Amino acid sequence: MNEPERPLRLDATREEALEHAAKLVAEAWRSFDRFRPEEPALDDRVRELIRGALPEEPVPVHEALDDAARILDESIAQPRPRYFAFIGSSGLEIGTIGDLLAQTYDINLAVDARAATVVEHQAVRWVAEFVGYPSAGGAFTSGGTISNLTAIAVARERALPGSRHRGLAASHPAVYCSEEVHYSVTRAVELLGIGSDNLRAIPLDGLRRMRPDLLAETIDADLAAGVTPVAVIATGGTTLTGAVDPIGELADVCGPRDVWLHVDGAYGLPAAAVRPELFDGLERADSCSIDAHKWLYVPKACGVVMSRHAGVFAGAFAHEEGYLPHQQHELHAADITLEYSRPFRALKAWLAFRAHGAKQFRDAIAKNLDEAEFLYRHAQATEDFEVMEAPPQLSITPIRHMPDGVVPNPHNQALADAIQSDGRVYLASALIDGDVWLRPCFVNFRTTEDDVLALMDVARALGERLARDGA
């Protein structure tokens, strides 16, 4: 009897398809090792592809792979060494390989997955050890948005026991943060029923950090008014300028008042492995989050949320369902996180630490910190660029082009737009205290000081042209 044909067949063997894909990946990796002189426009082939209807019949797999690579090559790729916008990823090669392996086995870590489950626990411990946090448990997430939401859900249940079931109708909760907190915290309090109207933005000090004295005053006033403080969100590296809130001093405020302290370290917390003094008091935080896909260089998505208190995630998320029994008498990951379909995100971080070792990561982070300081000193020494009053705390260095005769805000916004259109470097503008700044961020292990200098050269050349043209 003949075997029936298997569905979903390719026109080549899967080994041949994998070999071809590997060549395309290797070409991409080689292209990331050097800067790109410009960002290519979409060519005719890509325009034809993106106009296409749903294919009814297959094309050769090599052709499909080549088209996918062409589309990716004509996209904005954050691993390139002169990508300085936002807070990018580097696409560390071993992490890419880890993703391939994990996706090949397609393990779901919502329930016990034997060795993979244990490796996730181990990888959480390794990340915690790397940054100096005494984690009693945690999980990998898709990133800072879900990590912060998870931690605030835990804090909500602790401050208002049973609120996950009965809701917040009769409660008066509040969450506290700096004026430059990441928008994911705003989203979290909205989704959790706390409400963004009850998010207290605490003013900043001269280093753009949350002021502990004003935090204490605000919490005490709320307590006197019958409000329940749910959590204080300290930022371990703001997205705008890289400021690190004074965690130890905030812990001094939270401890006596029994308020949960969460550190949103999605961007900056890896720097605690290099500059622990900036994160003094981290060990006193009740929870923290970190994005390994930012400053631990692995591909997206790879976040971690942790707490030094055992069992708190289950208190906020666990359920007993007939279709998800606890045969192993242990919690499933679905009992401590939001997701029921959980890819093996931990593998890329686990594999990266094994293949490179913690020291290589510390060295790469230190190099990025040096690049930010190098840009600050270089721009400070010029007559046509302006820097902020204080040097960068982490790896974000806002600068402004200020030649004679220009209106600063329109000029710098036009310059940011021109830099993106030019394509030799890539960065974005930021609005700081009502002023437009260029905001390069250094979180790429491929970036060199030559790339930093190129950023200045390109910005100056384009800025001078705009100034001459009166733009």
Protein backbone atom coordinates (compact mmCIF):
# COMPACT_ATOMS: atom_id res chain seq x y z
CA MET A 1 0.00 0.00 0.00
CA ASN A 2 1.42 3.37 -1.00
CA GLU A 3 1.90 6.00 1.65
CA PRO A 4 -0.37 9.01 1.10
CA GLU A 5 1.37 12.19 0.13
CA ARG A 6 2.13 14.43 3.07
CA PRO A 7 0.45 17.84 2.95
CA LEU A 8 2.41 21.10 3.00
CA ARG A 9 5.24 19.89 0.82
CA LEU A 10 8.03 22.06 -0.61
CA ASP A 11 9.51 21.78 -4.07
CA ALA A 12 12.91 21.13 -2.51
CA THR A 13 13.98 19.10 0.49
CA ARG A 14 13.76 20.82 3.85
CA GLU A 15 17.52 20.38 4.19
CA GLU A 16 18.05 22.27 0.92
CA ALA A 17 15.68 25.00 2.08
CA LEU A 18 17.53 25.27 5.38
CA GLU A 19 20.89 25.45 3.62
CA HIS A 20 19.64 28.25 1.38
CA ALA A 21 18.18 30.13 4.35
CA ALA A 22 21.46 29.77 6.22
CA LYS A 23 23.29 31.44 3.33
CA LEU A 24 20.86 34.34 3.42
CA VAL A 25 21.31 34.71 7.17
CA ALA A 26 25.10 34.65 6.83
CA GLU A 27 24.91 37.38 4.18
CA ALA A 28 22.78 39.49 6.50
CA TRP A 29 25.20 39.00 9.40
CA ARG A 30 28.12 40.09 7.20
CA SER A 31 26.19 43.20 6.17
CA PHE A 32 25.59 44.10 9.83
CA ASP A 33 29.32 44.09 10.52
CA ARG A 34 29.76 47.35 8.64
CA PHE A 35 27.76 50.53 8.25
CA ARG A 36 25.43 51.02 5.34
CA PRO A 37 26.02 54.10 3.16
CA GLU A 38 22.27 54.58 2.66
CA GLU A 39 18.92 52.94 3.20
CA PRO A 40 17.73 51.54 -0.13
CA ALA A 41 14.34 52.49 -1.49
CA LEU A 42 11.78 49.78 -2.15
CA ASP A 43 12.62 48.28 -5.51
CA ASP A 44 10.16 47.12 -8.16
CA ARG A 45 10.27 43.50 -7.03
CA VAL A 46 9.34 44.37 -3.45
CA ARG A 47 6.57 46.70 -4.61
CA GLU A 48 5.20 43.89 -6.76
CA LEU A 49 5.33 41.46 -3.83
CA ILE A 50 3.52 43.70 -1.37
CA ARG A 51 0.72 44.30 -3.88
CA GLY A 52 0.17 40.57 -4.37
CA ALA A 53 -3.05 38.73 -3.52
CA LEU A 54 -3.23 35.56 -1.43
CA PRO A 55 -1.28 32.90 -3.38
CA GLU A 56 -3.36 29.90 -4.37
CA GLU A 57 -0.43 27.93 -5.77
CA PRO A 58 3.15 27.70 -4.46
CA VAL A 59 6.30 29.23 -5.85
CA PRO A 60 9.70 27.56 -5.54
CA VAL A 61 10.87 27.74 -1.94
CA HIS A 62 14.24 29.26 -2.92
CA GLU A 63 12.39 32.05 -4.70
CA ALA A 64 10.16 32.66 -1.68
CA LEU A 65 13.18 32.78 0.63
CA ASP A 66 15.05 35.16 -1.68
CA ASP A 67 12.01 37.45 -1.76
CA ALA A 68 11.76 37.39 2.04
CA ALA A 69 15.44 38.32 2.32
CA ARG A 70 14.97 41.15 -0.19
CA ILE A 71 12.04 42.54 1.83
CA LEU A 72 14.07 42.35 5.05
CA ASP A 73 17.06 44.02 3.44
CA GLU A 74 14.85 46.93 2.39
CA SER A 75 13.46 47.31 5.91
CA ILE A 76 14.92 49.30 8.83
CA ALA A 77 17.16 46.78 10.58
CA GLN A 78 18.15 47.65 14.14
CA PRO A 79 21.27 45.41 14.23
CA ARG A 80 23.15 47.80 11.94
CA PRO A 81 25.95 49.59 13.82
CA ARG A 82 24.69 53.09 13.00
CA TYR A 83 21.12 52.53 14.13
CA PHE A 84 20.79 54.93 17.10
CA ALA A 85 17.02 55.50 17.24
CA PHE A 86 14.77 54.56 20.14
CA ILE A 87 16.27 51.64 22.14
CA GLY A 88 17.10 49.04 19.53
CA SER A 89 18.05 45.40 19.44
CA SER A 90 21.29 43.98 18.13
CA GLY A 91 20.10 40.57 16.97
CA LEU A 92 23.02 38.74 18.60
CA GLU A 93 23.85 35.84 16.30
CA ILE A 94 23.75 33.08 18.93
CA GLY A 95 20.33 34.38 19.97
CA THR A 96 19.10 34.03 16.40
CA ILE A 97 20.31 30.44 16.36
CA GLY A 98 18.63 29.89 19.72
CA ASP A 99 15.36 31.16 18.27
CA LEU A 100 15.69 28.77 15.33
CA LEU A 101 16.23 25.82 17.66
CA ALA A 102 13.39 26.84 19.99
CA GLN A 103 10.95 27.39 17.14
CA THR A 104 11.93 24.09 15.56
CA TYR A 105 10.77 22.20 18.65
CA ASP A 106 7.79 24.58 19.07
CA ILE A 107 7.63 23.99 22.82
CA ASN A 108 4.79 25.63 24.71
CA LEU A 109 5.94 26.81 28.10
CA ALA A 110 2.46 27.54 29.41
CA VAL A 111 2.54 24.11 31.04
CA ASP A 112 5.33 21.90 32.28
CA ALA A 113 7.74 21.19 29.43
CA ARG A 114 10.30 19.19 31.39
CA ALA A 115 13.85 20.31 30.57
CA ALA A 116 12.73 23.52 28.88
CA THR A 117 10.80 24.57 31.99
CA VAL A 118 13.87 24.02 34.16
CA VAL A 119 16.05 25.96 31.72
CA GLU A 120 13.66 28.93 31.88
CA HIS A 121 13.95 28.94 35.68
CA GLN A 122 17.73 28.75 35.36
CA ALA A 123 17.84 31.59 32.82
CA VAL A 124 15.77 33.80 35.14
CA ARG A 125 18.30 33.11 37.90
CA TRP A 126 21.20 33.92 35.58
CA VAL A 127 19.68 37.26 34.52
CA ALA A 128 19.01 38.09 38.17
CA GLU A 129 22.56 37.19 39.14
CA PHE A 130 23.96 39.26 36.27
CA VAL A 131 22.27 42.45 37.50
CA GLY A 132 22.57 41.68 41.23
CA TYR A 133 18.91 41.09 42.05
CA PRO A 134 17.88 38.46 44.67
CA SER A 135 15.09 36.86 42.63
CA ALA A 136 12.88 34.23 44.24
CA GLY A 137 11.05 33.59 40.99
CA GLY A 138 10.04 35.05 37.69
CA ALA A 139 9.34 34.36 34.05
CA PHE A 140 10.24 35.36 30.54
CA THR A 141 7.80 37.66 28.75
CA SER A 142 7.46 39.41 25.41
CA GLY A 143 9.03 42.57 26.86
CA GLY A 144 8.74 45.48 29.24
CA THR A 145 5.07 46.22 28.56
CA ILE A 146 3.94 42.76 29.69
CA SER A 147 6.58 42.61 32.44
CA ASN A 148 5.38 45.89 33.96
CA LEU A 149 1.75 44.87 33.62
CA THR A 150 2.55 41.59 35.38
CA ALA A 151 4.36 43.27 38.26
CA ILE A 152 1.65 45.89 38.80
CA ALA A 153 -0.99 43.13 38.78
CA VAL A 154 0.95 41.45 41.59
CA ALA A 155 1.17 44.73 43.50
CA ARG A 156 -2.55 45.36 43.01
CA GLU A 157 -3.48 41.98 44.49
CA ARG A 158 -1.14 42.53 47.42
CA ALA A 159 -2.47 46.02 48.19
CA LEU A 160 -6.11 45.09 47.56
CA PRO A 161 -6.49 41.35 48.25
CA GLY A 162 -9.19 39.74 46.15
CA SER A 163 -9.39 42.64 43.70
CA ARG A 164 -8.57 40.32 40.81
CA HIS A 165 -11.96 38.68 41.43
CA ARG A 166 -14.27 41.41 42.68
CA GLY A 167 -12.75 44.33 40.77
CA LEU A 168 -11.90 47.80 42.02
CA ALA A 169 -15.35 49.41 42.15
CA ALA A 170 -15.22 50.24 45.86
CA SER A 171 -11.48 50.95 45.97
CA HIS A 172 -9.41 54.09 45.58
CA PRO A 173 -6.02 52.86 44.28
CA ALA A 174 -3.01 54.88 43.14
CA VAL A 175 0.31 54.11 41.48
CA TYR A 176 3.34 56.42 41.65
CA CYS A 177 6.05 57.05 39.08
CA SER A 178 8.37 59.70 37.71
CA GLU A 179 7.20 62.29 35.21
CA GLU A 180 9.20 60.45 32.54
CA VAL A 181 7.93 56.94 33.19
CA HIS A 182 7.53 54.66 30.17
CA TYR A 183 4.08 54.68 28.61
CA SER A 184 3.74 50.95 29.28
CA VAL A 185 3.06 51.82 32.92
CA THR A 186 0.19 54.10 31.86
CA ARG A 187 -1.22 51.30 29.75
CA ALA A 188 -0.85 48.83 32.61
CA VAL A 189 -2.82 50.90 35.12
CA GLU A 190 -5.53 51.46 32.53
CA LEU A 191 -5.83 47.77 31.73
CA LEU A 192 -5.77 46.75 35.39
CA GLY A 193 -8.66 49.02 36.28
CA ILE A 194 -6.56 51.39 38.38
CA GLY A 195 -6.93 54.13 35.78
CA SER A 196 -4.40 56.56 34.41
CA ASP A 197 -6.11 59.36 36.37
CA ASN A 198 -4.75 57.58 39.45
CA LEU A 199 -1.19 57.45 38.17
CA ARG A 200 0.72 60.03 40.21
CA ALA A 201 3.60 61.56 38.22
CA ILE A 202 6.23 62.73 40.71
CA PRO A 203 8.43 65.70 39.68
CA LEU A 204 12.08 65.24 38.77
CA ASP A 205 15.31 66.44 40.32
CA GLY A 206 18.16 68.09 38.43
CA LEU A 207 19.30 64.70 37.09
CA ARG A 208 15.78 63.93 35.81
CA ARG A 209 15.15 61.35 38.55
CA MET A 210 12.03 60.95 40.67
CA ARG A 211 12.24 63.01 43.87
CA PRO A 212 11.86 60.77 46.94
CA ASP A 213 10.80 63.67 49.19
CA LEU A 214 7.88 64.56 46.93
CA LEU A 215 6.97 60.89 46.58
CA ALA A 216 6.72 60.59 50.36
CA GLU A 217 4.56 63.71 50.56
CA THR A 218 2.24 62.44 47.83
CA ILE A 219 1.80 58.98 49.36
CA ASP A 220 1.17 60.42 52.82
CA ALA A 221 -1.45 62.81 51.45
CA ASP A 222 -3.16 59.94 49.63
CA LEU A 223 -3.16 57.76 52.73
CA ALA A 224 -4.75 60.57 54.70
CA ALA A 225 -7.43 60.88 52.01
CA GLY A 226 -8.28 57.17 52.10
CA VAL A 227 -6.41 56.23 48.93
CA THR A 228 -4.64 52.84 48.75
CA PRO A 229 -1.09 53.06 47.36
CA VAL A 230 -0.63 50.07 45.06
CA ALA A 231 2.95 50.49 43.84
CA VAL A 232 5.81 52.85 43.18
CA ILE A 233 7.43 52.41 39.77
CA ALA A 234 11.09 53.35 39.76
CA THR A 235 12.69 53.63 36.34
CA GLY A 236 16.09 52.05 35.83
CA GLY A 237 16.93 54.11 32.77
CA THR A 238 14.27 56.37 31.29
CA THR A 239 13.59 56.08 27.58
CA LEU A 240 13.94 59.82 27.12
CA THR A 241 17.37 60.50 28.68
CA GLY A 242 18.53 57.33 30.43
CA ALA A 243 17.99 58.71 33.95
CA VAL A 244 18.05 56.18 36.79
CA ASP A 245 15.72 56.86 39.69
CA PRO A 246 17.34 56.68 43.18
CA ILE A 247 16.15 53.19 44.02
CA GLY A 248 17.55 53.02 47.54
CA GLU A 249 15.97 56.32 48.55
CA LEU A 250 12.66 55.26 47.03
CA ALA A 251 12.89 52.01 49.00
CA ASP A 252 13.31 54.13 52.13
CA VAL A 253 9.97 55.75 51.30
CA CYS A 254 8.16 52.54 50.35
CA GLY A 255 9.35 50.29 53.16
CA PRO A 256 7.82 52.03 56.19
CA ARG A 257 4.60 52.65 54.25
CA ASP A 258 4.36 49.04 53.04
CA VAL A 259 4.14 50.03 49.38
CA TRP A 260 5.34 47.70 46.62
CA LEU A 261 8.43 48.99 44.79
CA HIS A 262 8.86 47.86 41.20
CA VAL A 263 11.91 48.78 39.10
CA ASP A 264 11.21 49.12 35.38
CA GLY A 265 14.69 48.28 34.15
CA ALA A 266 13.63 47.20 30.67
CA TYR A 267 16.29 49.38 29.08
CA GLY A 268 18.92 50.22 31.64
CA LEU A 269 19.10 47.44 34.22
CA PRO A 270 21.85 45.45 32.45
CA ALA A 271 24.15 48.38 33.26
CA ALA A 272 23.88 47.36 36.92
CA ALA A 273 26.44 44.68 36.02
CA VAL A 274 28.92 47.45 35.13
CA ARG A 275 27.86 50.43 37.23
CA PRO A 276 26.11 48.94 40.28
CA GLU A 277 26.34 52.22 42.16
CA LEU A 278 23.71 53.72 39.85
CA PHE A 279 21.28 51.03 40.96
CA ASP A 280 22.05 51.10 44.67
CA GLY A 281 19.12 49.58 46.56
CA LEU A 282 17.99 47.32 43.70
CA GLU A 283 18.06 44.34 46.04
CA ARG A 284 15.32 46.04 48.11
CA ALA A 285 12.89 46.34 45.21
CA ASP A 286 9.93 43.99 45.41
CA SER A 287 10.05 43.29 41.69
CA CYS A 288 11.92 44.34 38.58
CA SER A 289 11.79 43.93 34.82
CA ILE A 290 14.47 43.77 32.17
CA ASP A 291 14.44 43.39 28.39
CA ALA A 292 17.18 41.04 27.26
CA HIS A 293 16.36 42.10 23.70
CA LYS A 294 17.62 45.58 24.46
CA TRP A 295 20.91 45.72 26.33
CA LEU A 296 21.63 42.01 26.50
CA TYR A 297 21.62 42.14 22.71
CA VAL A 298 19.50 39.03 21.92
CA PRO A 299 16.72 39.22 19.29
CA LYS A 300 13.19 40.28 20.16
CA ALA A 301 11.13 39.34 22.01
CA CYS A 302 12.83 38.50 25.28
CA GLY A 303 11.78 40.19 28.52
CA VAL A 304 12.05 39.03 32.12
CA VAL A 305 10.00 39.91 35.20
CA MET A 306 11.22 38.87 38.66
CA SER A 307 10.36 39.27 42.33
CA ARG A 308 12.31 38.64 45.51
CA HIS A 309 9.11 37.31 47.10
CA ALA A 310 8.23 33.68 46.42
CA GLY A 311 4.73 32.86 45.23
CA VAL A 312 3.51 36.37 44.48
CA PHE A 313 2.96 35.85 40.76
CA ALA A 314 0.70 32.88 41.43
CA GLY A 315 -1.32 34.98 43.83
CA ALA A 316 -2.16 37.32 40.98
CA PHE A 317 -2.60 34.86 38.10
CA ALA A 318 -3.13 31.21 39.13
CA HIS A 319 -6.33 29.35 38.23
CA GLU A 320 -7.40 25.73 38.50
CA GLU A 321 -8.94 24.60 35.23
CA GLY A 322 -10.09 21.14 34.21
CA TYR A 323 -8.21 21.35 30.93
CA LEU A 324 -4.97 22.40 32.65
CA PRO A 325 -4.53 20.06 35.63
CA HIS A 326 -1.44 20.26 37.82
CA GLN A 327 -0.22 16.69 37.38
CA GLN A 328 3.26 17.57 38.59
CA HIS A 329 1.94 19.28 41.75
CA GLU A 330 3.83 22.35 40.62
CA LEU A 331 2.72 25.63 39.15
CA HIS A 332 2.59 25.97 35.40
CA ALA A 333 4.00 29.10 33.80
CA ALA A 334 0.40 29.98 32.92
CA ASP A 335 -0.17 30.31 36.68
CA ILE A 336 2.38 33.11 37.01
CA THR A 337 2.09 34.97 33.69
CA LEU A 338 -0.52 36.33 31.29
CA GLU A 339 0.13 34.03 28.35
CA TYR A 340 -1.14 30.56 27.54
CA SER A 341 0.88 30.26 24.34
CA ARG A 342 4.44 30.84 25.49
CA PRO A 343 7.40 30.29 23.14
CA PHE A 344 10.72 29.20 24.62
CA ARG A 345 12.08 32.76 24.83
CA ALA A 346 14.49 31.84 27.60
CA LEU A 347 16.59 29.62 25.35
CA LYS A 348 18.24 32.49 23.47
CA ALA A 349 19.28 34.21 26.72
CA TRP A 350 20.46 30.89 28.22
CA LEU A 351 22.41 30.04 25.07
CA ALA A 352 23.90 33.55 24.84
CA PHE A 353 25.23 33.41 28.41
CA ARG A 354 26.69 29.96 27.79
CA ALA A 355 28.29 30.84 24.45
CA HIS A 356 29.67 34.25 25.46
CA GLY A 357 29.90 34.27 29.25
CA ALA A 358 28.89 37.11 31.54
CA LYS A 359 32.20 38.93 31.16
CA GLN A 360 31.72 39.48 27.42
CA PHE A 361 28.33 41.03 28.11
CA ARG A 362 29.75 43.33 30.78
CA ASP A 363 32.51 44.40 28.37
CA ALA A 364 30.00 45.15 25.59
CA ILE A 365 27.79 47.19 27.92
CA ALA A 366 30.81 49.12 29.22
CA LYS A 367 31.79 49.88 25.62
CA ASN A 368 28.33 51.34 24.90
CA LEU A 369 28.54 53.46 28.05
CA ASP A 370 31.91 54.75 26.86
CA GLU A 371 30.46 55.58 23.43
CA ALA A 372 27.71 57.68 25.01
CA GLU A 373 30.28 59.59 27.09
CA PHE A 374 32.50 59.97 24.02
CA LEU A 375 29.66 61.59 22.09
CA TYR A 376 28.86 63.86 25.03
CA ARG A 377 32.46 65.09 25.32
CA HIS A 378 32.87 65.45 21.57
CA ALA A 379 29.65 67.43 21.12
CA GLN A 380 30.36 69.52 24.22
CA ALA A 381 33.70 70.60 22.74
CA THR A 382 32.10 71.96 19.56
CA GLU A 383 30.61 75.38 18.98
CA ASP A 384 27.63 74.23 16.94
CA PHE A 385 26.25 71.44 19.14
CA GLU A 386 24.59 71.64 22.53
CA VAL A 387 24.46 68.89 25.17
CA MET A 388 22.48 68.53 28.36
CA GLU A 389 23.91 69.98 31.55
CA ALA A 390 24.79 66.62 33.11
CA PRO A 391 26.73 63.82 31.36
CA PRO A 392 24.75 60.71 30.39
CA GLN A 393 23.95 58.34 33.22
CA LEU A 394 23.61 55.43 30.81
CA SER A 395 23.91 55.22 27.02
CA ILE A 396 21.53 57.93 25.79
CA THR A 397 23.15 61.24 24.83
CA PRO A 398 20.73 63.93 23.63
CA ILE A 399 22.36 66.60 21.45
CA ARG A 400 21.10 69.66 19.57
CA HIS A 401 22.54 71.31 16.47
CA MET A 402 22.68 75.04 17.25
CA PRO A 403 24.42 77.00 14.49
CA ASP A 404 23.95 80.74 14.40
CA GLY A 405 20.76 82.05 12.91
CA VAL A 406 18.45 79.04 13.26
CA VAL A 407 15.27 78.61 15.29
CA PRO A 408 16.35 75.63 17.42
CA ASN A 409 13.22 73.47 17.58
CA PRO A 410 12.14 73.58 13.92
CA HIS A 411 15.78 73.24 12.84
CA ASN A 412 16.45 70.15 14.94
CA GLN A 413 13.17 68.50 13.96
CA ALA A 414 13.99 69.12 10.30
CA LEU A 415 17.47 67.76 10.94
CA ALA A 416 16.13 64.56 12.51
CA ASP A 417 13.87 64.08 9.49
CA ALA A 418 16.76 64.76 7.12
CA ILE A 419 19.00 62.24 8.91
CA GLN A 420 16.39 59.52 8.51
CA SER A 421 15.88 60.35 4.85
CA ASP A 422 19.64 60.44 4.25
CA GLY A 423 20.10 56.93 5.63
CA ARG A 424 23.80 56.97 6.50
CA VAL A 425 22.89 56.91 10.19
CA TYR A 426 19.49 56.42 11.76
CA LEU A 427 18.17 58.25 14.80
CA ALA A 428 15.03 59.93 16.04
CA SER A 429 14.17 63.18 17.75
CA ALA A 430 12.82 63.54 21.28
CA LEU A 431 10.93 66.31 23.03
CA ILE A 432 12.63 67.19 26.33
CA ASP A 433 11.11 70.00 28.40
CA GLY A 434 9.45 71.32 25.25
CA ASP A 435 12.66 71.37 23.21
CA VAL A 436 13.49 69.13 20.25
CA TRP A 437 16.70 67.13 20.66
CA LEU A 438 18.45 64.50 18.60
CA ARG A 439 18.48 61.41 20.83
CA PRO A 440 21.06 58.77 19.94
CA CYS A 441 21.08 55.63 22.08
CA PHE A 442 23.97 53.14 22.15
CA VAL A 443 22.90 49.55 22.80
CA ASN A 444 24.59 47.76 19.90
CA PHE A 445 27.69 45.64 20.40
CA ARG A 446 28.74 46.35 16.78
CA THR A 447 28.93 50.14 17.19
CA THR A 448 32.39 51.74 17.30
CA GLU A 449 33.74 55.22 18.04
CA ASP A 450 34.06 55.72 14.27
CA ASP A 451 30.30 55.25 14.06
CA VAL A 452 29.84 57.85 16.81
CA LEU A 453 31.98 60.32 14.90
CA ALA A 454 30.05 59.58 11.73
CA LEU A 455 26.86 60.50 13.56
CA MET A 456 28.32 63.91 14.35
CA ASP A 457 29.65 64.39 10.83
CA VAL A 458 26.35 63.52 9.17
CA ALA A 459 24.33 65.66 11.59
CA ARG A 460 26.63 68.64 11.07
CA ALA A 461 26.69 68.35 7.27
CA LEU A 462 22.93 68.02 6.95
CA GLY A 463 22.34 70.65 9.63
CA GLU A 464 24.57 73.19 7.88
CA ARG A 465 22.77 72.55 4.61
CA LEU A 466 19.40 73.11 6.30
CA ALA A 467 20.68 76.29 7.91
CA ARG A 468 21.94 77.62 4.55
CA ASP A 469 18.63 76.77 2.90
CA GLY A 470 16.69 78.44 5.70
CA ALA A 471 14.81 75.27 6.62
